Amino acid sequence: MPCYNAESTLDETLDSLFQQTLPQFEIVAVDDGSTDQTWDRLLSRSAADPRLHPVLISYAGIVAALNAGLAA
C-alpha cells in the first residue's frame, strides 16, 4: 500500500484492512517520503499489530513505492 502524506486517512484505512475476514495476511505499507506524521503512525500501528510491515523510501512517486512494496 503506497502512502504519501496520508496521516489524516491512514488509521481509517488500516482499520478497514485489519477487519478483513482472511485469517492470515500482511499489509506492506510504503511511506513514499511523506512530510507529515505518516511514518510515525505506521510505526505505531505496526508495533500494535505484526501484520503491518512498514517500509520507508525517499520520495520517488507511486510506481517506485509500489515496486518497493513488492520487493519487501
N, C-alpha and C. Protein backbone atom coordinates (compact mmCIF):
# COMPACT_ATOMS: atom_id res chain seq x y z
N MET A 1 0.84 -1.16 0.00
CA MET A 1 0.00 0.00 0.00
C MET A 1 0.90 1.23 0.00
N PRO A 2 0.90 2.00 -1.07
CA PRO A 2 1.70 3.21 -1.08
C PRO A 2 1.05 4.30 -0.23
N CYS A 3 1.86 5.05 0.48
CA CYS A 3 1.35 6.11 1.34
C CYS A 3 2.18 7.37 1.12
N TYR A 4 1.53 8.49 0.92
CA TYR A 4 2.22 9.77 0.84
C TYR A 4 1.37 10.82 1.53
N ASN A 5 1.88 11.36 2.62
CA ASN A 5 1.15 12.36 3.41
C ASN A 5 -0.28 11.88 3.69
N ALA A 6 -0.37 10.67 4.20
CA ALA A 6 -1.67 10.01 4.43
C ALA A 6 -2.10 10.03 5.89
N GLU A 7 -1.47 10.85 6.68
CA GLU A 7 -1.75 10.86 8.12
C GLU A 7 -3.25 10.98 8.42
N SER A 8 -3.96 11.80 7.69
CA SER A 8 -5.37 12.05 8.01
C SER A 8 -6.29 10.88 7.66
N THR A 9 -5.86 9.97 6.79
CA THR A 9 -6.73 8.85 6.40
C THR A 9 -6.14 7.49 6.74
N LEU A 10 -4.93 7.47 7.27
CA LEU A 10 -4.23 6.21 7.48
C LEU A 10 -4.91 5.30 8.49
N ASP A 11 -5.33 5.83 9.63
CA ASP A 11 -5.96 4.98 10.64
C ASP A 11 -7.24 4.33 10.12
N GLU A 12 -8.06 5.10 9.44
CA GLU A 12 -9.31 4.56 8.90
C GLU A 12 -9.02 3.46 7.87
N THR A 13 -8.03 3.69 7.04
CA THR A 13 -7.66 2.71 6.02
C THR A 13 -7.15 1.42 6.65
N LEU A 14 -6.23 1.56 7.62
CA LEU A 14 -5.68 0.37 8.28
C LEU A 14 -6.75 -0.37 9.06
N ASP A 15 -7.62 0.36 9.74
CA ASP A 15 -8.71 -0.30 10.48
C ASP A 15 -9.56 -1.14 9.54
N SER A 16 -9.86 -0.61 8.37
CA SER A 16 -10.66 -1.35 7.39
C SER A 16 -9.92 -2.61 6.94
N LEU A 17 -8.64 -2.48 6.65
CA LEU A 17 -7.86 -3.63 6.20
C LEU A 17 -7.75 -4.70 7.29
N PHE A 18 -7.57 -4.28 8.53
CA PHE A 18 -7.43 -5.24 9.62
C PHE A 18 -8.74 -5.97 9.92
N GLN A 19 -9.86 -5.47 9.43
CA GLN A 19 -11.14 -6.13 9.65
C GLN A 19 -11.47 -7.16 8.57
N GLN A 20 -10.54 -7.41 7.67
CA GLN A 20 -10.78 -8.40 6.62
C GLN A 20 -11.00 -9.78 7.24
N THR A 21 -11.68 -10.63 6.53
CA THR A 21 -12.03 -11.94 7.07
C THR A 21 -10.96 -13.01 6.84
N LEU A 22 -9.96 -12.72 6.02
CA LEU A 22 -8.88 -13.68 5.84
C LEU A 22 -8.13 -13.86 7.16
N PRO A 23 -7.81 -15.08 7.54
CA PRO A 23 -7.16 -15.29 8.84
C PRO A 23 -5.71 -14.84 8.87
N GLN A 24 -5.00 -14.94 7.75
CA GLN A 24 -3.59 -14.57 7.73
C GLN A 24 -3.31 -13.69 6.53
N PHE A 25 -2.78 -12.52 6.79
CA PHE A 25 -2.39 -11.63 5.71
C PHE A 25 -1.36 -10.64 6.24
N GLU A 26 -0.69 -9.98 5.32
CA GLU A 26 0.29 -8.97 5.67
C GLU A 26 0.00 -7.71 4.87
N ILE A 27 0.12 -6.58 5.52
CA ILE A 27 -0.01 -5.29 4.85
C ILE A 27 1.38 -4.69 4.77
N VAL A 28 1.86 -4.50 3.56
CA VAL A 28 3.13 -3.82 3.35
C VAL A 28 2.78 -2.38 2.98
N ALA A 29 3.07 -1.46 3.89
CA ALA A 29 2.76 -0.05 3.69
C ALA A 29 4.05 0.71 3.43
N VAL A 30 4.15 1.31 2.25
CA VAL A 30 5.36 2.01 1.86
C VAL A 30 5.13 3.52 1.98
N ASP A 31 5.85 4.14 2.90
CA ASP A 31 5.80 5.59 3.04
C ASP A 31 6.75 6.19 2.02
N ASP A 32 6.20 6.89 1.07
CA ASP A 32 6.95 7.46 -0.05
C ASP A 32 7.46 8.86 0.28
N GLY A 33 8.23 8.95 1.37
CA GLY A 33 8.84 10.23 1.73
C GLY A 33 7.87 11.28 2.23
N SER A 34 6.87 10.86 2.98
CA SER A 34 5.88 11.81 3.50
C SER A 34 6.53 12.89 4.35
N THR A 35 5.88 14.05 4.36
CA THR A 35 6.35 15.17 5.18
C THR A 35 5.45 15.41 6.39
N ASP A 36 4.43 14.58 6.55
CA ASP A 36 3.57 14.67 7.73
C ASP A 36 3.94 13.53 8.69
N GLN A 37 3.04 13.09 9.50
CA GLN A 37 3.31 12.06 10.51
C GLN A 37 2.96 10.65 10.05
N THR A 38 2.88 10.42 8.74
CA THR A 38 2.54 9.11 8.21
C THR A 38 3.48 8.03 8.73
N TRP A 39 4.78 8.26 8.65
CA TRP A 39 5.74 7.24 9.08
C TRP A 39 5.59 6.92 10.56
N ASP A 40 5.42 7.93 11.39
CA ASP A 40 5.23 7.70 12.83
C ASP A 40 3.97 6.88 13.10
N ARG A 41 2.89 7.16 12.37
CA ARG A 41 1.65 6.38 12.53
C ARG A 41 1.87 4.94 12.10
N LEU A 42 2.58 4.74 11.00
CA LEU A 42 2.85 3.37 10.54
C LEU A 42 3.67 2.60 11.58
N LEU A 43 4.68 3.24 12.15
CA LEU A 43 5.48 2.58 13.18
C LEU A 43 4.64 2.25 14.40
N SER A 44 3.82 3.18 14.82
CA SER A 44 2.97 2.96 15.99
C SER A 44 1.99 1.81 15.75
N ARG A 45 1.35 1.82 14.60
CA ARG A 45 0.37 0.78 14.30
C ARG A 45 1.04 -0.58 14.12
N SER A 46 2.25 -0.61 13.54
CA SER A 46 2.94 -1.89 13.34
C SER A 46 3.40 -2.47 14.67
N ALA A 47 3.69 -1.63 15.65
CA ALA A 47 4.06 -2.12 16.98
C ALA A 47 2.87 -2.82 17.64
N ALA A 48 1.66 -2.37 17.29
CA ALA A 48 0.45 -2.94 17.87
C ALA A 48 -0.08 -4.14 17.10
N ASP A 49 0.31 -4.28 15.83
CA ASP A 49 -0.20 -5.38 15.01
C ASP A 49 0.89 -5.85 14.06
N PRO A 50 1.42 -7.04 14.27
CA PRO A 50 2.55 -7.52 13.46
C PRO A 50 2.19 -7.81 12.00
N ARG A 51 0.93 -7.73 11.63
CA ARG A 51 0.56 -7.94 10.22
C ARG A 51 0.93 -6.74 9.36
N LEU A 52 1.24 -5.62 10.00
CA LEU A 52 1.62 -4.41 9.28
C LEU A 52 3.14 -4.33 9.19
N HIS A 53 3.63 -4.25 7.96
CA HIS A 53 5.07 -4.16 7.71
C HIS A 53 5.34 -2.81 7.02
N PRO A 54 5.83 -1.81 7.77
CA PRO A 54 6.10 -0.51 7.17
C PRO A 54 7.46 -0.46 6.48
N VAL A 55 7.50 0.25 5.37
CA VAL A 55 8.73 0.44 4.61
C VAL A 55 8.84 1.95 4.32
N LEU A 56 10.02 2.51 4.51
CA LEU A 56 10.23 3.94 4.25
C LEU A 56 11.19 4.10 3.08
N ILE A 57 10.78 4.91 2.10
CA ILE A 57 11.66 5.25 0.99
C ILE A 57 11.67 6.77 0.84
N SER A 58 12.70 7.28 0.18
CA SER A 58 12.72 8.69 -0.18
C SER A 58 11.67 8.91 -1.26
N TYR A 59 11.13 10.13 -1.31
CA TYR A 59 10.08 10.39 -2.28
C TYR A 59 10.53 10.03 -3.69
N ALA A 60 9.75 9.17 -4.34
CA ALA A 60 10.08 8.73 -5.69
C ALA A 60 8.83 8.53 -6.55
N GLY A 61 7.65 8.68 -5.98
CA GLY A 61 6.42 8.51 -6.74
C GLY A 61 5.78 7.15 -6.52
N ILE A 62 4.56 7.02 -6.99
CA ILE A 62 3.76 5.83 -6.72
C ILE A 62 4.35 4.56 -7.33
N VAL A 63 4.91 4.65 -8.52
CA VAL A 63 5.46 3.44 -9.15
C VAL A 63 6.63 2.90 -8.32
N ALA A 64 7.51 3.78 -7.88
CA ALA A 64 8.63 3.35 -7.06
C ALA A 64 8.14 2.80 -5.72
N ALA A 65 7.11 3.42 -5.15
CA ALA A 65 6.56 2.93 -3.89
C ALA A 65 5.95 1.55 -4.06
N LEU A 66 5.23 1.34 -5.14
CA LEU A 66 4.66 0.02 -5.40
C LEU A 66 5.75 -1.03 -5.59
N ASN A 67 6.80 -0.67 -6.32
CA ASN A 67 7.90 -1.59 -6.53
C ASN A 67 8.62 -1.91 -5.22
N ALA A 68 8.79 -0.92 -4.36
CA ALA A 68 9.40 -1.15 -3.05
C ALA A 68 8.54 -2.09 -2.22
N GLY A 69 7.23 -1.94 -2.32
CA GLY A 69 6.33 -2.85 -1.61
C GLY A 69 6.43 -4.26 -2.12
N LEU A 70 6.52 -4.42 -3.42
CA LEU A 70 6.70 -5.76 -4.00
C LEU A 70 8.00 -6.38 -3.57
N ALA A 71 9.05 -5.58 -3.52
CA ALA A 71 10.36 -6.09 -3.11
C ALA A 71 10.37 -6.52 -1.65
N ALA A 72 9.59 -5.82 -0.84
CA ALA A 72 9.54 -6.14 0.59
C ALA A 72 8.72 -7.40 0.80
